[in-house]
Amino acid sequence: MVTGLATSGSRVYQSRVVQLEANELPALKVFTGSEAIEVIDLSSNPLQDRNLTVTVTAVAKAVSNLDDTLDTMIKEVEVAVATNNTLGGLVKDVVITGSDVEMNAEAEVPTGQAILTFNANYYTRAQAPDVSL
């Protein structure tokens, strides 16, 4: 979904605990969070409406144009998600629900990060929670 963007390139990591080195920046970290599940029907194999929180964190070194770099990364991620908002048919829709920008001047390599939160909506059956409908 977000690999190959102009600023971060292939530096996309699927973990919130990856400690990035200066030579690995700018980069994106992608991970899932909470998931709300609503049962739609009461059949023997109920239909479930699922809403999964997905977080994309853009991380860049603190340089003179850090805000511009983060703004560019935010735009690239938002455009990539909006362009493929069903993830190739895997989900019904992905929409951005929030963003936050933080600076960390106390790290060994001062960095800034933009945290983008998305909601991915999809449906499954109770007996096959890993198969999107």
N, C-alpha and C. Protein backbone atom coordinates (compact mmCIF):
# COMPACT_ATOMS: atom_id res chain seq x y z
N MET A 1 0.81 -1.18 0.00
CA MET A 1 0.00 0.00 0.00
C MET A 1 0.87 1.26 0.00
N VAL A 2 1.93 1.29 0.82
CA VAL A 2 2.74 2.51 0.91
C VAL A 2 4.20 2.28 0.58
N THR A 3 4.54 1.13 0.06
CA THR A 3 5.93 0.88 -0.36
C THR A 3 6.16 1.54 -1.71
N GLY A 4 7.35 2.12 -1.86
CA GLY A 4 7.72 2.70 -3.15
C GLY A 4 7.33 4.16 -3.31
N LEU A 5 6.96 4.83 -2.22
CA LEU A 5 6.63 6.25 -2.32
C LEU A 5 7.92 7.05 -2.51
N ALA A 6 7.80 8.24 -3.06
CA ALA A 6 8.97 9.03 -3.45
C ALA A 6 9.92 9.30 -2.29
N THR A 7 9.41 9.68 -1.15
CA THR A 7 10.29 10.08 -0.05
C THR A 7 10.83 8.89 0.74
N SER A 8 9.99 7.94 1.08
CA SER A 8 10.42 6.81 1.91
C SER A 8 10.90 5.61 1.11
N GLY A 9 10.53 5.51 -0.15
CA GLY A 9 11.00 4.41 -0.99
C GLY A 9 10.61 3.05 -0.44
N SER A 10 11.59 2.16 -0.32
CA SER A 10 11.33 0.82 0.20
C SER A 10 11.54 0.72 1.71
N ARG A 11 11.82 1.84 2.35
CA ARG A 11 12.05 1.84 3.79
C ARG A 11 10.71 1.87 4.54
N VAL A 12 10.01 0.73 4.48
CA VAL A 12 8.71 0.56 5.12
C VAL A 12 8.81 -0.65 6.03
N TYR A 13 8.49 -0.45 7.30
CA TYR A 13 8.66 -1.50 8.30
C TYR A 13 7.32 -1.81 8.95
N GLN A 14 7.05 -3.10 9.17
CA GLN A 14 5.77 -3.54 9.71
C GLN A 14 5.88 -3.83 11.20
N SER A 15 6.33 -2.84 11.95
CA SER A 15 6.45 -3.00 13.39
C SER A 15 6.51 -1.65 14.07
N ARG A 16 5.89 -1.56 15.21
CA ARG A 16 5.94 -0.30 15.96
C ARG A 16 7.19 -0.20 16.81
N VAL A 17 7.92 -1.29 16.98
CA VAL A 17 9.08 -1.28 17.88
C VAL A 17 10.42 -1.23 17.16
N VAL A 18 10.41 -1.09 15.86
CA VAL A 18 11.66 -1.01 15.11
C VAL A 18 12.38 0.28 15.49
N GLN A 19 13.64 0.15 15.94
CA GLN A 19 14.46 1.33 16.22
C GLN A 19 15.21 1.67 14.95
N LEU A 20 14.86 2.77 14.33
CA LEU A 20 15.45 3.14 13.05
C LEU A 20 16.75 3.91 13.25
N GLU A 21 17.74 3.57 12.44
CA GLU A 21 19.01 4.28 12.45
C GLU A 21 18.92 5.48 11.50
N ALA A 22 19.83 6.42 11.66
CA ALA A 22 19.82 7.64 10.86
C ALA A 22 19.87 7.34 9.36
N ASN A 23 20.64 6.30 8.97
CA ASN A 23 20.76 5.98 7.54
C ASN A 23 19.53 5.28 6.97
N GLU A 24 18.56 4.96 7.83
CA GLU A 24 17.32 4.32 7.38
C GLU A 24 16.17 5.32 7.23
N LEU A 25 16.46 6.59 7.44
CA LEU A 25 15.44 7.63 7.37
C LEU A 25 15.55 8.43 6.09
N PRO A 26 14.47 8.96 5.58
CA PRO A 26 13.10 8.85 6.08
C PRO A 26 12.51 7.46 5.83
N ALA A 27 11.55 7.09 6.67
CA ALA A 27 10.96 5.76 6.59
C ALA A 27 9.51 5.81 7.08
N LEU A 28 8.81 4.70 6.81
CA LEU A 28 7.44 4.53 7.30
C LEU A 28 7.37 3.28 8.16
N LYS A 29 6.60 3.35 9.24
CA LYS A 29 6.29 2.18 10.06
C LYS A 29 4.78 1.97 9.97
N VAL A 30 4.37 0.75 9.68
CA VAL A 30 2.95 0.42 9.50
C VAL A 30 2.59 -0.70 10.47
N PHE A 31 1.51 -0.50 11.21
CA PHE A 31 1.06 -1.55 12.11
C PHE A 31 -0.43 -1.41 12.39
N THR A 32 -1.01 -2.50 12.85
CA THR A 32 -2.44 -2.50 13.17
C THR A 32 -2.63 -2.28 14.66
N GLY A 33 -3.80 -1.76 14.99
CA GLY A 33 -4.14 -1.51 16.39
C GLY A 33 -5.41 -2.23 16.76
N SER A 34 -6.30 -1.54 17.39
CA SER A 34 -7.54 -2.15 17.86
C SER A 34 -8.49 -2.46 16.70
N GLU A 35 -9.40 -3.38 16.97
CA GLU A 35 -10.40 -3.75 15.96
C GLU A 35 -11.76 -3.87 16.64
N ALA A 36 -12.73 -3.15 16.11
CA ALA A 36 -14.11 -3.25 16.59
C ALA A 36 -14.87 -4.20 15.67
N ILE A 37 -15.64 -5.11 16.27
CA ILE A 37 -16.38 -6.11 15.50
C ILE A 37 -17.85 -6.06 15.91
N GLU A 38 -18.71 -5.91 14.90
CA GLU A 38 -20.16 -5.90 15.14
C GLU A 38 -20.77 -7.09 14.41
N VAL A 39 -21.55 -7.88 15.13
CA VAL A 39 -22.24 -9.01 14.52
C VAL A 39 -23.47 -8.48 13.79
N ILE A 40 -23.58 -8.84 12.51
CA ILE A 40 -24.65 -8.32 11.65
C ILE A 40 -25.89 -9.21 11.67
N ASP A 41 -25.68 -10.52 11.72
CA ASP A 41 -26.81 -11.44 11.77
C ASP A 41 -26.54 -12.54 12.79
N LEU A 42 -27.55 -13.26 13.16
CA LEU A 42 -27.42 -14.27 14.20
C LEU A 42 -27.52 -15.68 13.64
N SER A 43 -26.96 -15.89 12.47
CA SER A 43 -26.97 -17.21 11.86
C SER A 43 -25.94 -18.10 12.56
N SER A 44 -25.82 -19.33 12.11
CA SER A 44 -24.84 -20.25 12.71
C SER A 44 -23.41 -19.83 12.37
N ASN A 45 -23.25 -19.02 11.35
CA ASN A 45 -21.94 -18.48 10.96
C ASN A 45 -22.12 -16.98 10.71
N PRO A 46 -22.24 -16.19 11.78
CA PRO A 46 -22.63 -14.80 11.66
C PRO A 46 -21.70 -13.94 10.79
N LEU A 47 -22.35 -13.02 10.09
CA LEU A 47 -21.62 -12.00 9.34
C LEU A 47 -21.11 -10.97 10.33
N GLN A 48 -19.85 -10.57 10.16
CA GLN A 48 -19.24 -9.60 11.07
C GLN A 48 -18.77 -8.37 10.29
N ASP A 49 -19.11 -7.21 10.80
CA ASP A 49 -18.64 -5.93 10.26
C ASP A 49 -17.44 -5.52 11.12
N ARG A 50 -16.27 -5.45 10.49
CA ARG A 50 -15.04 -5.19 11.24
C ARG A 50 -14.45 -3.84 10.86
N ASN A 51 -13.94 -3.14 11.87
CA ASN A 51 -13.26 -1.87 11.68
C ASN A 51 -11.92 -1.94 12.38
N LEU A 52 -10.87 -2.00 11.58
CA LEU A 52 -9.51 -2.17 12.06
C LEU A 52 -8.76 -0.85 11.99
N THR A 53 -8.10 -0.49 13.09
CA THR A 53 -7.27 0.71 13.11
C THR A 53 -5.89 0.36 12.55
N VAL A 54 -5.46 1.12 11.55
CA VAL A 54 -4.14 0.95 10.95
C VAL A 54 -3.38 2.26 11.13
N THR A 55 -2.17 2.18 11.62
CA THR A 55 -1.35 3.37 11.84
C THR A 55 -0.15 3.35 10.92
N VAL A 56 0.08 4.47 10.26
CA VAL A 56 1.27 4.66 9.44
C VAL A 56 2.03 5.82 10.08
N THR A 57 3.26 5.55 10.50
CA THR A 57 4.08 6.58 11.11
C THR A 57 5.21 6.93 10.16
N ALA A 58 5.25 8.19 9.74
CA ALA A 58 6.32 8.70 8.88
C ALA A 58 7.39 9.27 9.79
N VAL A 59 8.63 8.81 9.64
CA VAL A 59 9.73 9.25 10.50
C VAL A 59 10.82 9.86 9.62
N ALA A 60 11.32 11.03 10.04
CA ALA A 60 12.37 11.71 9.29
C ALA A 60 13.37 12.33 10.26
N LYS A 61 14.60 12.50 9.80
CA LYS A 61 15.63 13.16 10.61
C LYS A 61 15.30 14.63 10.78
N ALA A 62 15.65 15.16 11.95
CA ALA A 62 15.43 16.57 12.23
C ALA A 62 16.49 17.39 11.51
N VAL A 63 16.10 17.95 10.39
CA VAL A 63 16.96 18.85 9.63
C VAL A 63 16.19 20.15 9.43
N SER A 64 16.79 21.09 8.78
CA SER A 64 16.16 22.41 8.65
C SER A 64 14.79 22.37 7.98
N ASN A 65 14.56 21.40 7.12
CA ASN A 65 13.27 21.33 6.42
C ASN A 65 12.42 20.15 6.91
N LEU A 66 12.52 19.81 8.18
CA LEU A 66 11.81 18.66 8.73
C LEU A 66 10.31 18.76 8.52
N ASP A 67 9.73 19.93 8.80
CA ASP A 67 8.28 20.08 8.62
C ASP A 67 7.87 19.84 7.18
N ASP A 68 8.65 20.35 6.23
CA ASP A 68 8.34 20.13 4.81
C ASP A 68 8.45 18.66 4.45
N THR A 69 9.48 17.98 4.98
CA THR A 69 9.65 16.55 4.70
C THR A 69 8.47 15.76 5.23
N LEU A 70 8.06 16.03 6.47
CA LEU A 70 6.91 15.32 7.04
C LEU A 70 5.63 15.64 6.29
N ASP A 71 5.43 16.90 5.91
CA ASP A 71 4.25 17.26 5.13
C ASP A 71 4.19 16.50 3.81
N THR A 72 5.35 16.37 3.16
CA THR A 72 5.42 15.63 1.89
C THR A 72 5.10 14.16 2.12
N MET A 73 5.66 13.58 3.18
CA MET A 73 5.40 12.17 3.48
C MET A 73 3.93 11.94 3.80
N ILE A 74 3.32 12.86 4.54
CA ILE A 74 1.88 12.75 4.86
C ILE A 74 1.07 12.75 3.57
N LYS A 75 1.37 13.68 2.69
CA LYS A 75 0.64 13.77 1.43
C LYS A 75 0.81 12.48 0.62
N GLU A 76 2.04 11.97 0.53
CA GLU A 76 2.29 10.76 -0.25
C GLU A 76 1.49 9.57 0.29
N VAL A 77 1.46 9.42 1.61
CA VAL A 77 0.71 8.31 2.21
C VAL A 77 -0.78 8.48 1.98
N GLU A 78 -1.30 9.68 2.23
CA GLU A 78 -2.73 9.91 2.04
C GLU A 78 -3.17 9.65 0.60
N VAL A 79 -2.38 10.11 -0.36
CA VAL A 79 -2.71 9.90 -1.78
C VAL A 79 -2.65 8.41 -2.12
N ALA A 80 -1.62 7.70 -1.62
CA ALA A 80 -1.48 6.27 -1.91
C ALA A 80 -2.68 5.49 -1.37
N VAL A 81 -3.10 5.81 -0.17
CA VAL A 81 -4.23 5.10 0.43
C VAL A 81 -5.53 5.46 -0.30
N ALA A 82 -5.72 6.73 -0.59
CA ALA A 82 -6.95 7.15 -1.29
C ALA A 82 -7.03 6.57 -2.69
N THR A 83 -5.90 6.37 -3.32
CA THR A 83 -5.86 5.81 -4.68
C THR A 83 -6.22 4.33 -4.69
N ASN A 84 -5.93 3.63 -3.58
CA ASN A 84 -6.20 2.21 -3.48
C ASN A 84 -6.97 1.95 -2.18
N ASN A 85 -8.10 2.63 -2.01
CA ASN A 85 -8.81 2.60 -0.74
C ASN A 85 -9.51 1.28 -0.42
N THR A 86 -9.49 0.32 -1.33
CA THR A 86 -10.01 -1.02 -1.01
C THR A 86 -8.88 -2.04 -0.87
N LEU A 87 -7.65 -1.56 -0.97
CA LEU A 87 -6.47 -2.44 -0.89
C LEU A 87 -6.60 -3.61 -1.86
N GLY A 88 -6.96 -3.27 -3.08
CA GLY A 88 -7.12 -4.29 -4.11
C GLY A 88 -8.29 -5.22 -3.87
N GLY A 89 -9.33 -4.73 -3.21
CA GLY A 89 -10.51 -5.54 -2.94
C GLY A 89 -10.45 -6.30 -1.63
N LEU A 90 -9.39 -6.14 -0.87
CA LEU A 90 -9.25 -6.85 0.40
C LEU A 90 -10.21 -6.31 1.46
N VAL A 91 -10.49 -5.00 1.42
CA VAL A 91 -11.40 -4.38 2.38
C VAL A 91 -12.44 -3.56 1.60
N LYS A 92 -13.49 -3.15 2.30
CA LYS A 92 -14.52 -2.33 1.66
C LYS A 92 -14.05 -0.89 1.47
N ASP A 93 -13.30 -0.37 2.47
CA ASP A 93 -12.86 1.02 2.39
C ASP A 93 -11.80 1.28 3.46
N VAL A 94 -10.86 2.17 3.16
CA VAL A 94 -9.89 2.67 4.13
C VAL A 94 -9.98 4.18 4.09
N VAL A 95 -10.16 4.79 5.26
CA VAL A 95 -10.25 6.24 5.35
C VAL A 95 -9.36 6.74 6.49
N ILE A 96 -8.80 7.92 6.29
CA ILE A 96 -7.99 8.52 7.35
C ILE A 96 -8.92 9.05 8.43
N THR A 97 -8.54 8.83 9.70
CA THR A 97 -9.36 9.28 10.81
C THR A 97 -8.63 10.27 11.71
N GLY A 98 -7.32 10.45 11.50
CA GLY A 98 -6.60 11.40 12.33
C GLY A 98 -5.13 11.45 12.00
N SER A 99 -4.48 12.49 12.50
CA SER A 99 -3.04 12.63 12.34
C SER A 99 -2.47 13.43 13.49
N ASP A 100 -1.20 13.23 13.75
CA ASP A 100 -0.50 13.95 14.81
C ASP A 100 0.97 14.04 14.42
N VAL A 101 1.60 15.14 14.76
CA VAL A 101 3.02 15.34 14.47
C VAL A 101 3.75 15.52 15.78
N GLU A 102 4.87 14.81 15.92
CA GLU A 102 5.68 14.88 17.14
C GLU A 102 7.14 15.08 16.78
N MET A 103 7.86 15.76 17.65
CA MET A 103 9.30 15.94 17.48
C MET A 103 10.01 15.29 18.66
N ASN A 104 11.17 14.69 18.41
CA ASN A 104 11.96 14.08 19.46
C ASN A 104 13.39 14.60 19.36
N ALA A 105 13.65 15.71 20.00
CA ALA A 105 14.97 16.34 19.95
C ALA A 105 15.96 15.67 20.89
N GLU A 106 15.50 14.80 21.79
CA GLU A 106 16.37 14.19 22.78
C GLU A 106 16.95 12.85 22.34
N ALA A 107 16.53 12.33 21.22
CA ALA A 107 17.05 11.06 20.72
C ALA A 107 18.49 11.23 20.24
N GLU A 108 19.17 10.09 20.08
CA GLU A 108 20.54 10.14 19.56
C GLU A 108 20.57 10.85 18.21
N VAL A 109 19.60 10.52 17.38
CA VAL A 109 19.40 11.24 16.12
C VAL A 109 18.06 11.95 16.25
N PRO A 110 18.05 13.27 16.42
CA PRO A 110 16.78 13.98 16.55
C PRO A 110 15.88 13.70 15.34
N THR A 111 14.63 13.39 15.63
CA THR A 111 13.69 13.03 14.57
C THR A 111 12.35 13.72 14.77
N GLY A 112 11.57 13.69 13.72
CA GLY A 112 10.18 14.09 13.78
C GLY A 112 9.36 12.95 13.21
N GLN A 113 8.12 12.87 13.63
CA GLN A 113 7.27 11.83 13.08
C GLN A 113 5.85 12.33 12.93
N ALA A 114 5.22 11.85 11.89
CA ALA A 114 3.81 12.13 11.64
C ALA A 114 3.07 10.80 11.77
N ILE A 115 2.11 10.77 12.67
CA ILE A 115 1.36 9.54 12.93
C ILE A 115 -0.01 9.68 12.27
N LEU A 116 -0.25 8.85 11.26
CA LEU A 116 -1.51 8.87 10.52
C LEU A 116 -2.33 7.65 10.92
N THR A 117 -3.57 7.87 11.30
CA THR A 117 -4.44 6.79 11.71
C THR A 117 -5.54 6.60 10.67
N PHE A 118 -5.72 5.34 10.27
CA PHE A 118 -6.72 4.99 9.27
C PHE A 118 -7.68 3.97 9.85
N ASN A 119 -8.90 3.92 9.31
CA ASN A 119 -9.87 2.88 9.63
C ASN A 119 -10.07 2.04 8.38
N ALA A 120 -9.85 0.74 8.52
CA ALA A 120 -10.11 -0.21 7.43
C ALA A 120 -11.38 -0.98 7.78
N ASN A 121 -12.40 -0.88 6.92
CA ASN A 121 -13.67 -1.55 7.14
C ASN A 121 -13.77 -2.75 6.22
N TYR A 122 -14.12 -3.90 6.79
CA TYR A 122 -14.30 -5.11 5.99
C TYR A 122 -15.26 -6.06 6.70
N TYR A 123 -15.70 -7.07 5.97
CA TYR A 123 -16.66 -8.04 6.49
C TYR A 123 -16.06 -9.43 6.45
N THR A 124 -16.41 -10.23 7.46
CA THR A 124 -16.00 -11.64 7.50
C THR A 124 -17.17 -12.46 8.04
N ARG A 125 -17.00 -13.74 8.01
CA ARG A 125 -17.91 -14.66 8.71
C ARG A 125 -17.18 -15.14 9.96
N ALA A 126 -17.93 -15.43 11.02
CA ALA A 126 -17.35 -15.83 12.29
C ALA A 126 -16.43 -17.06 12.17
N GLN A 127 -16.79 -17.99 11.30
CA GLN A 127 -16.00 -19.20 11.17
C GLN A 127 -14.80 -19.05 10.23
N ALA A 128 -14.66 -17.87 9.64
CA ALA A 128 -13.51 -17.60 8.77
C ALA A 128 -13.09 -16.12 8.95
N PRO A 129 -12.59 -15.76 10.13
CA PRO A 129 -12.27 -14.37 10.41
C PRO A 129 -11.10 -13.82 9.60
N ASP A 130 -10.37 -14.69 8.94
CA ASP A 130 -9.22 -14.27 8.14
C ASP A 130 -9.58 -14.13 6.64
N VAL A 131 -10.84 -14.32 6.30
CA VAL A 131 -11.27 -14.23 4.89
C VAL A 131 -12.22 -13.04 4.74
N SER A 132 -11.75 -12.02 4.06
CA SER A 132 -12.56 -10.83 3.83
C SER A 132 -13.59 -11.10 2.75
N LEU A 133 -14.80 -10.61 2.97
CA LEU A 133 -15.89 -10.82 1.99
C LEU A 133 -16.07 -9.59 1.13
